[in-house]
Amino acid sequence: LLAVALLLLPWPAPAQSAADPLAEAQACAKRNLPHTTLELRATFTKVDRVGGERASRAKVLGKKLADGLQRAVLRFDRPTDIRGTAMLMIENPSGPSEFYVFSPGERRVRRISGRSSGGLFGTDFSYDDFENWRGFSKRNKAERLPDAVEADRPVYVLAGVPAPEDGSSYERVVSYVDRETCVVLRVDSYEPGAKLRKILRADPKTVEKSGDLAIARALELEDLIDGTRTRVAIESIRLDTDLPDRLFRQTDLASG
């Protein structure tokens, strides 16, 4: 729901008419979004098949620019082997987002082409995860499923099918949105053949208010195929601060 953006906060699909069955659930998700910017620091702890752990820490910045489109930046400062690594996501008005990565070892910014469900930066998160959890693509086929209960909480259930031309490794993504807090409590990502690949869960016990928004401070992503999981702990968060546009340009991704 960085939207995250971001990773941690999903950006909503275009507004629907009041008669659309998606409208109520999407309005809930939209109410629980920053107005302009999001700034947080999070620790990612990946647990492998035998229980070994590796922790990394990143700052995440998100902003809606003057053109109305979202951009997000992740910058890692731990551990030392990925310190300085950064990723930029730029929302595309008519297709999938653009991704750029800076690696201190390569000393250059490169654009990422193609999508996969493989993990990045020593975590279980992939480019496809960032794209799909940001919200339904403008070309995705979306539907509202029957309401359900997740972690003892009543939830809206939204399903999205990525557009074939977007090249997603997932054929279906199902999100469970808390009806009261509007926090996304679970995201199921399916690969072709209705094979459930990843489950993202937010701990409802860690949901707290930050201004007008409700945010889960603890999440876990499980990769059912690889047998690994990544815990996410949000250490700090700031909303709607003054973040200059230059922080979200690919030409400045290497500047830190």
Foldseek 3Di string as FASTA:
>chain_A
DCCVVGLFQAAEAPADDPPAPCRLLRVLSNLQDFPFKKKFKKKKWKAAQVGDIDIWIWIKMKGQDPVRWIKMKIATCDDPQQHLKMKIWTPDLAAFIWMWIDGPVVRAIDTDDAWDQCDPPPASHTPLSNGPSNYADNPKDKDWDDWDADPNATWTKMKIAHDVVRRYQFGMKIWTAGSPQRGTAKIWTAGPPRHTFKMKGADPVQWDDDDSHTGGQWMKMAGPVRNMMMIMGIDDMDGDDDDDPVCRDSVCSSVD
